[in-house]
């Protein structure tokens, strides 16, 4: 009988040790972190000139739920240019607007001849699939 109780105790201890005494391990699952998504479409990134304004060094990056649109705007005329804002029309492959209302960018009310400024604007939509960008000057 002592052998039988000893075998049961050893078996019971072995089961407890292998199952960890019923303790569940806590596993912290972190959401999978992705790097930024970048729009590489040539129609979006191409340099454009609208009247006296040249748009260059264009980037459109989606990260952490926000798309950042950035462009360098240069006054290529020989006079100071006056304006209120730029409207940025982001379009899909079918020519439909992807953002309603359109993106708006400010660089100040005047841009001197030959002067450049960086235009930044943001959207909570993922615009990395945009096919083209058109600019509108609001004076």
N, C-alpha and C. Protein backbone atom coordinates (compact mmCIF):
# COMPACT_ATOMS: atom_id res chain seq x y z
N UNK A 1 0.82 -1.19 0.00
CA UNK A 1 0.00 0.00 0.00
C UNK A 1 0.87 1.27 0.00
N UNK A 2 2.00 1.22 0.73
CA UNK A 2 2.91 2.36 0.77
C UNK A 2 3.48 2.62 -0.63
N UNK A 3 3.79 1.53 -1.37
CA UNK A 3 4.29 1.68 -2.73
C UNK A 3 3.23 2.33 -3.61
N UNK A 4 2.00 1.90 -3.47
CA UNK A 4 0.90 2.44 -4.28
C UNK A 4 0.71 3.94 -4.01
N UNK A 5 0.72 4.34 -2.76
CA UNK A 5 0.59 5.76 -2.39
C UNK A 5 1.80 6.54 -2.89
N UNK A 6 2.99 5.96 -2.80
CA UNK A 6 4.21 6.60 -3.29
C UNK A 6 4.15 6.82 -4.79
N UNK A 7 3.66 5.83 -5.53
CA UNK A 7 3.54 5.94 -6.99
C UNK A 7 2.52 7.02 -7.35
N UNK A 8 1.42 7.06 -6.62
CA UNK A 8 0.40 8.09 -6.87
C UNK A 8 0.96 9.48 -6.58
N UNK A 9 1.70 9.64 -5.47
CA UNK A 9 2.30 10.93 -5.14
C UNK A 9 3.32 11.36 -6.20
N UNK A 10 4.17 10.45 -6.63
CA UNK A 10 5.16 10.77 -7.66
C UNK A 10 4.47 11.15 -8.96
N UNK A 11 3.44 10.40 -9.34
CA UNK A 11 2.68 10.70 -10.56
C UNK A 11 2.00 12.06 -10.45
N UNK A 12 1.40 12.31 -9.28
CA UNK A 12 0.71 13.59 -9.05
C UNK A 12 1.70 14.76 -9.14
N UNK A 13 2.89 14.61 -8.52
CA UNK A 13 3.92 15.67 -8.58
C UNK A 13 4.40 15.88 -10.02
N UNK A 14 4.57 14.79 -10.76
CA UNK A 14 5.02 14.90 -12.15
C UNK A 14 3.99 15.64 -13.00
N UNK A 15 2.70 15.35 -12.77
CA UNK A 15 1.65 16.03 -13.52
C UNK A 15 1.62 17.51 -13.18
N UNK A 16 1.74 17.84 -11.89
CA UNK A 16 1.74 19.25 -11.48
C UNK A 16 2.93 20.00 -12.07
N UNK A 17 4.09 19.36 -12.06
CA UNK A 17 5.28 20.03 -12.59
C UNK A 17 5.18 20.26 -14.10
N UNK A 18 4.65 19.30 -14.83
CA UNK A 18 4.57 19.45 -16.29
C UNK A 18 3.47 20.43 -16.71
N UNK A 19 2.42 20.56 -15.92
CA UNK A 19 1.35 21.49 -16.28
C UNK A 19 1.56 22.86 -15.65
N UNK A 20 2.60 23.01 -14.87
CA UNK A 20 2.87 24.31 -14.25
C UNK A 20 1.87 24.65 -13.18
N UNK A 21 1.37 23.67 -12.49
CA UNK A 21 0.41 23.88 -11.40
C UNK A 21 -0.84 24.59 -11.88
N UNK A 22 -1.14 24.43 -13.13
CA UNK A 22 -2.35 25.05 -13.66
C UNK A 22 -2.21 26.54 -13.93
N UNK A 23 -1.02 27.08 -13.79
CA UNK A 23 -0.80 28.50 -13.99
C UNK A 23 -0.70 28.80 -15.48
N UNK A 24 -1.47 29.79 -15.91
CA UNK A 24 -1.41 30.20 -17.31
C UNK A 24 -0.39 31.31 -17.43
N UNK A 25 0.43 31.22 -18.45
CA UNK A 25 1.41 32.26 -18.69
C UNK A 25 0.75 33.41 -19.43
N UNK A 26 1.05 34.59 -18.98
CA UNK A 26 0.52 35.77 -19.62
C UNK A 26 1.41 36.13 -20.81
N UNK A 27 0.80 36.22 -21.97
CA UNK A 27 1.54 36.57 -23.16
C UNK A 27 1.03 37.92 -23.64
N UNK A 28 1.94 38.89 -23.66
CA UNK A 28 1.56 40.22 -24.15
C UNK A 28 1.64 40.22 -25.67
N UNK A 29 0.49 40.38 -26.27
CA UNK A 29 0.46 40.46 -27.73
C UNK A 29 0.43 41.92 -28.12
N UNK A 30 1.48 42.34 -28.76
CA UNK A 30 1.54 43.71 -29.25
C UNK A 30 1.02 43.71 -30.68
N UNK A 31 0.29 44.75 -31.06
CA UNK A 31 -0.16 44.81 -32.45
C UNK A 31 1.05 44.87 -33.38
N UNK A 32 0.89 44.21 -34.50
CA UNK A 32 1.97 44.19 -35.47
C UNK A 32 2.23 45.61 -35.97
N UNK A 33 3.45 46.04 -35.81
CA UNK A 33 3.80 47.39 -36.24
C UNK A 33 4.33 47.34 -37.66
N UNK A 34 3.68 48.10 -38.51
CA UNK A 34 4.13 48.22 -39.89
C UNK A 34 4.85 49.55 -40.03
N UNK A 35 5.75 49.58 -40.94
CA UNK A 35 6.43 50.83 -41.22
C UNK A 35 5.51 51.73 -42.03
N UNK A 36 5.98 52.91 -42.35
CA UNK A 36 5.14 53.83 -43.13
C UNK A 36 4.89 53.31 -44.54
N UNK A 37 3.71 53.67 -45.08
CA UNK A 37 3.38 53.36 -46.48
C UNK A 37 3.65 54.62 -47.28
N UNK A 38 4.31 54.45 -48.40
CA UNK A 38 4.72 55.60 -49.21
C UNK A 38 4.09 55.49 -50.59
N UNK A 39 3.49 56.59 -51.05
CA UNK A 39 2.96 56.63 -52.41
C UNK A 39 4.13 56.87 -53.35
N UNK A 40 4.34 55.92 -54.27
CA UNK A 40 5.46 56.01 -55.21
C UNK A 40 4.99 56.26 -56.64
N UNK A 41 3.72 56.62 -56.80
CA UNK A 41 3.17 56.84 -58.13
C UNK A 41 3.80 58.09 -58.76
N UNK A 42 4.31 57.94 -59.97
CA UNK A 42 4.98 59.05 -60.64
C UNK A 42 4.05 60.23 -60.91
N UNK A 43 2.76 59.95 -61.13
CA UNK A 43 1.80 61.03 -61.37
C UNK A 43 1.60 61.89 -60.12
N UNK A 44 1.80 61.31 -58.96
CA UNK A 44 1.67 62.06 -57.70
C UNK A 44 2.96 62.82 -57.42
N UNK A 45 4.09 62.18 -57.64
CA UNK A 45 5.38 62.74 -57.25
C UNK A 45 6.01 63.68 -58.29
N UNK A 46 5.42 63.73 -59.47
CA UNK A 46 6.05 64.53 -60.53
C UNK A 46 5.99 66.03 -60.21
N UNK A 47 7.02 66.72 -60.68
CA UNK A 47 7.08 68.18 -60.54
C UNK A 47 6.02 68.80 -61.43
N UNK A 48 5.30 69.80 -60.90
CA UNK A 48 4.26 70.47 -61.68
C UNK A 48 4.41 71.98 -61.53
N UNK A 49 4.01 72.69 -62.59
CA UNK A 49 4.01 74.15 -62.56
C UNK A 49 2.59 74.62 -62.85
N UNK A 50 2.04 75.42 -61.94
CA UNK A 50 0.71 76.00 -62.08
C UNK A 50 0.90 77.52 -61.96
N UNK A 51 0.65 78.22 -63.07
CA UNK A 51 0.89 79.65 -63.16
C UNK A 51 2.33 79.94 -62.71
N UNK A 52 2.53 80.77 -61.68
CA UNK A 52 3.89 81.12 -61.26
C UNK A 52 4.46 80.22 -60.17
N UNK A 53 3.74 79.16 -59.82
CA UNK A 53 4.16 78.28 -58.73
C UNK A 53 4.64 76.93 -59.26
N UNK A 54 5.81 76.54 -58.80
CA UNK A 54 6.36 75.23 -59.15
C UNK A 54 6.31 74.34 -57.91
N UNK A 55 5.75 73.15 -58.05
CA UNK A 55 5.64 72.17 -56.96
C UNK A 55 6.67 71.07 -57.21
N UNK A 56 7.56 70.86 -56.25
CA UNK A 56 8.62 69.86 -56.40
C UNK A 56 8.84 69.14 -55.06
N UNK A 57 9.73 68.16 -55.08
CA UNK A 57 10.08 67.39 -53.87
C UNK A 57 8.82 66.91 -53.14
N UNK A 58 7.92 66.30 -53.88
CA UNK A 58 6.61 65.91 -53.35
C UNK A 58 6.72 64.54 -52.67
N UNK A 59 6.07 64.42 -51.53
CA UNK A 59 6.00 63.13 -50.84
C UNK A 59 4.62 62.96 -50.23
N UNK A 60 4.18 61.71 -50.18
CA UNK A 60 2.90 61.37 -49.58
C UNK A 60 3.13 60.09 -48.77
N UNK A 61 3.14 60.23 -47.44
CA UNK A 61 3.48 59.12 -46.55
C UNK A 61 2.35 58.89 -45.55
N UNK A 62 1.91 57.64 -45.46
CA UNK A 62 0.86 57.26 -44.50
C UNK A 62 1.51 56.51 -43.35
N UNK A 63 1.34 57.05 -42.14
CA UNK A 63 1.94 56.42 -40.96
C UNK A 63 1.08 56.73 -39.74
N UNK A 64 0.83 55.71 -38.94
CA UNK A 64 0.07 55.84 -37.70
C UNK A 64 -1.29 56.50 -37.92
N UNK A 65 -1.96 56.12 -39.00
CA UNK A 65 -3.32 56.59 -39.25
C UNK A 65 -3.43 57.97 -39.89
N UNK A 66 -2.31 58.53 -40.34
CA UNK A 66 -2.33 59.87 -40.94
C UNK A 66 -1.47 59.89 -42.20
N UNK A 67 -2.00 60.52 -43.25
CA UNK A 67 -1.20 60.76 -44.46
C UNK A 67 -0.65 62.17 -44.39
N UNK A 68 0.65 62.28 -44.57
CA UNK A 68 1.31 63.59 -44.63
C UNK A 68 1.69 63.86 -46.08
N UNK A 69 1.17 64.97 -46.60
CA UNK A 69 1.52 65.40 -47.95
C UNK A 69 2.47 66.57 -47.81
N UNK A 70 3.59 66.51 -48.51
CA UNK A 70 4.57 67.59 -48.43
C UNK A 70 5.08 67.92 -49.81
N UNK A 71 5.23 69.21 -50.09
CA UNK A 71 5.77 69.67 -51.37
C UNK A 71 6.51 70.98 -51.16
N UNK A 72 7.54 71.19 -51.94
CA UNK A 72 8.23 72.48 -51.94
C UNK A 72 7.59 73.33 -53.03
N UNK A 73 7.15 74.53 -52.65
CA UNK A 73 6.50 75.45 -53.59
C UNK A 73 7.46 76.61 -53.85
N UNK A 74 7.73 76.87 -55.12
CA UNK A 74 8.65 77.94 -55.50
C UNK A 74 7.94 78.92 -56.42
N UNK A 75 8.10 80.21 -56.15
CA UNK A 75 7.59 81.25 -57.04
C UNK A 75 8.62 81.43 -58.15
N UNK A 76 8.30 80.99 -59.36
CA UNK A 76 9.27 81.05 -60.46
C UNK A 76 9.14 82.33 -61.28
N UNK A 77 8.27 83.25 -60.84
CA UNK A 77 8.12 84.52 -61.56
C UNK A 77 9.14 85.53 -61.02
N UNK A 78 9.13 86.70 -61.61
CA UNK A 78 10.04 87.77 -61.17
C UNK A 78 9.34 88.77 -60.27
N UNK A 79 8.11 88.42 -59.82
CA UNK A 79 7.35 89.31 -58.94
C UNK A 79 6.86 88.54 -57.73
N UNK A 80 6.54 89.28 -56.68
CA UNK A 80 5.96 88.66 -55.50
C UNK A 80 4.57 88.14 -55.85
N UNK A 81 4.27 86.93 -55.44
CA UNK A 81 2.97 86.31 -55.73
C UNK A 81 2.10 86.38 -54.48
N UNK A 82 0.84 86.76 -54.67
CA UNK A 82 -0.12 86.84 -53.57
C UNK A 82 -1.11 85.69 -53.69
N UNK A 83 -1.47 85.10 -52.55
CA UNK A 83 -2.42 84.01 -52.55
C UNK A 83 -2.98 83.81 -51.14
N UNK A 84 -4.09 83.09 -51.06
CA UNK A 84 -4.66 82.73 -49.76
C UNK A 84 -4.25 81.31 -49.37
N UNK A 85 -4.41 80.37 -50.32
CA UNK A 85 -4.13 78.97 -50.02
C UNK A 85 -4.04 78.17 -51.31
N UNK A 86 -3.63 76.94 -51.18
CA UNK A 86 -3.67 75.99 -52.28
C UNK A 86 -4.68 74.91 -51.93
N UNK A 87 -5.47 74.51 -52.91
CA UNK A 87 -6.32 73.34 -52.75
C UNK A 87 -5.63 72.21 -53.49
N UNK A 88 -5.55 71.07 -52.84
CA UNK A 88 -4.84 69.93 -53.41
C UNK A 88 -5.85 68.83 -53.67
N UNK A 89 -6.07 68.54 -54.93
CA UNK A 89 -7.05 67.54 -55.35
C UNK A 89 -6.32 66.21 -55.55
N UNK A 90 -6.60 65.26 -54.67
CA UNK A 90 -6.00 63.94 -54.75
C UNK A 90 -7.01 63.01 -55.42
N UNK A 91 -6.58 62.38 -56.52
CA UNK A 91 -7.52 61.59 -57.33
C UNK A 91 -7.07 60.14 -57.47
N UNK A 92 -8.07 59.26 -57.63
CA UNK A 92 -7.79 57.85 -57.87
C UNK A 92 -7.60 57.62 -59.37
N UNK A 93 -7.44 56.37 -59.76
CA UNK A 93 -7.17 56.04 -61.16
C UNK A 93 -8.30 56.42 -62.10
N UNK A 94 -9.53 56.48 -61.60
CA UNK A 94 -10.68 56.86 -62.42
C UNK A 94 -10.90 58.37 -62.44
N UNK A 95 -10.05 59.13 -61.75
CA UNK A 95 -10.19 60.59 -61.72
C UNK A 95 -11.13 61.10 -60.65
N UNK A 96 -11.55 60.24 -59.74
CA UNK A 96 -12.45 60.65 -58.65
C UNK A 96 -11.65 61.21 -57.47
N UNK A 97 -12.21 62.24 -56.85
CA UNK A 97 -11.58 62.83 -55.66
C UNK A 97 -11.53 61.79 -54.55
N UNK A 98 -10.39 61.66 -53.89
CA UNK A 98 -10.25 60.70 -52.80
C UNK A 98 -10.49 61.34 -51.44
N UNK A 99 -10.43 62.66 -51.37
CA UNK A 99 -10.60 63.37 -50.10
C UNK A 99 -11.69 64.42 -50.26
N UNK A 100 -12.68 64.36 -49.41
CA UNK A 100 -13.75 65.37 -49.39
C UNK A 100 -13.83 65.94 -47.99
N UNK A 101 -13.72 67.20 -47.74
CA UNK A 101 -13.33 68.22 -48.72
C UNK A 101 -11.86 68.06 -49.11
N UNK A 102 -11.45 68.78 -50.14
CA UNK A 102 -10.08 68.65 -50.66
C UNK A 102 -9.08 69.08 -49.60
N UNK A 103 -7.84 68.62 -49.79
CA UNK A 103 -6.76 69.05 -48.89
C UNK A 103 -6.47 70.53 -49.13
N UNK A 104 -6.13 71.23 -48.07
CA UNK A 104 -5.81 72.65 -48.17
C UNK A 104 -4.42 72.86 -47.59
N UNK A 105 -3.61 73.64 -48.30
CA UNK A 105 -2.26 73.93 -47.83
C UNK A 105 -2.00 75.42 -47.79
N UNK A 106 -1.27 75.85 -46.77
CA UNK A 106 -0.94 77.27 -46.59
C UNK A 106 0.57 77.44 -46.59
N UNK A 107 1.03 78.50 -47.26
CA UNK A 107 2.45 78.84 -47.22
C UNK A 107 2.65 80.32 -46.89
N UNK A 108 1.57 80.98 -46.54
CA UNK A 108 1.61 82.42 -46.28
C UNK A 108 0.88 83.15 -47.39
N UNK A 109 0.66 84.45 -47.20
CA UNK A 109 -0.11 85.22 -48.18
C UNK A 109 0.74 85.74 -49.33
N UNK A 110 2.05 85.75 -49.15
CA UNK A 110 2.93 86.22 -50.22
C UNK A 110 4.13 85.29 -50.32
N UNK A 111 4.59 85.16 -51.57
CA UNK A 111 5.81 84.40 -51.83
C UNK A 111 6.64 85.23 -52.79
N UNK A 112 7.80 85.65 -52.31
CA UNK A 112 8.66 86.52 -53.10
C UNK A 112 9.19 85.84 -54.35
N UNK A 113 9.64 86.64 -55.30
CA UNK A 113 10.20 86.12 -56.56
C UNK A 113 11.37 85.19 -56.24
N UNK A 114 11.32 83.99 -56.77
CA UNK A 114 12.39 83.01 -56.56
C UNK A 114 12.38 82.36 -55.18
N UNK A 115 11.47 82.73 -54.33
CA UNK A 115 11.40 82.19 -52.97
C UNK A 115 10.70 80.83 -52.95
N UNK A 116 11.13 79.96 -52.03
CA UNK A 116 10.52 78.63 -51.87
C UNK A 116 10.08 78.44 -50.42
N UNK A 117 8.99 77.71 -50.26
CA UNK A 117 8.51 77.31 -48.94
C UNK A 117 7.99 75.90 -49.02
N UNK A 118 7.99 75.22 -47.86
CA UNK A 118 7.48 73.86 -47.80
C UNK A 118 6.01 73.90 -47.40
N UNK A 119 5.20 73.22 -48.19
CA UNK A 119 3.77 73.12 -47.94
C UNK A 119 3.52 71.75 -47.30
N UNK A 120 2.87 71.73 -46.15
CA UNK A 120 2.51 70.48 -45.46
C UNK A 120 1.02 70.47 -45.23
N UNK A 121 0.40 69.33 -45.46
CA UNK A 121 -1.01 69.16 -45.12
C UNK A 121 -1.22 67.68 -44.77
N UNK A 122 -2.28 67.41 -44.03
CA UNK A 122 -2.50 66.07 -43.48
C UNK A 122 -3.92 65.60 -43.73
N UNK A 123 -4.07 64.27 -43.80
CA UNK A 123 -5.39 63.65 -43.93
C UNK A 123 -5.41 62.38 -43.10
N UNK A 124 -6.57 62.07 -42.53
CA UNK A 124 -6.69 60.82 -41.78
C UNK A 124 -6.95 59.64 -42.72
N UNK A 125 -7.12 59.90 -44.00
CA UNK A 125 -7.32 58.83 -44.98
C UNK A 125 -5.97 58.34 -45.49
N UNK A 126 -5.91 57.07 -45.82
CA UNK A 126 -4.71 56.51 -46.44
C UNK A 126 -4.73 56.87 -47.92
N UNK A 127 -3.86 57.76 -48.32
CA UNK A 127 -3.83 58.24 -49.70
C UNK A 127 -2.67 57.65 -50.50
N UNK A 128 -2.09 56.58 -49.99
CA UNK A 128 -0.95 55.99 -50.69
C UNK A 128 -1.32 55.31 -51.99
N UNK A 129 -2.62 55.12 -52.23
CA UNK A 129 -3.05 54.53 -53.50
C UNK A 129 -3.48 55.62 -54.49
N UNK A 130 -3.27 56.87 -54.16
CA UNK A 130 -3.65 57.97 -55.06
C UNK A 130 -2.92 57.84 -56.39
N UNK A 131 -3.63 58.22 -57.46
CA UNK A 131 -3.07 58.10 -58.80
C UNK A 131 -2.52 59.42 -59.32
N UNK A 132 -3.15 60.53 -58.91
CA UNK A 132 -2.67 61.83 -59.37
C UNK A 132 -3.02 62.92 -58.37
N UNK A 133 -2.34 64.06 -58.52
CA UNK A 133 -2.58 65.23 -57.68
C UNK A 133 -2.68 66.45 -58.60
N UNK A 134 -3.69 67.28 -58.33
CA UNK A 134 -3.85 68.54 -59.07
C UNK A 134 -3.91 69.67 -58.05
N UNK A 135 -3.35 70.80 -58.42
CA UNK A 135 -3.29 71.95 -57.52
C UNK A 135 -4.20 73.07 -58.02
N UNK A 136 -4.78 73.77 -57.08
CA UNK A 136 -5.63 74.92 -57.38
C UNK A 136 -5.17 76.07 -56.50
N UNK A 137 -4.98 77.23 -57.11
CA UNK A 137 -4.52 78.41 -56.35
C UNK A 137 -5.75 79.23 -55.98
N UNK A 138 -5.87 79.55 -54.69
CA UNK A 138 -6.96 80.40 -54.22
C UNK A 138 -6.32 81.74 -53.85
N UNK A 139 -6.78 82.79 -54.54
CA UNK A 139 -6.20 84.13 -54.29
C UNK A 139 -7.13 84.98 -53.49
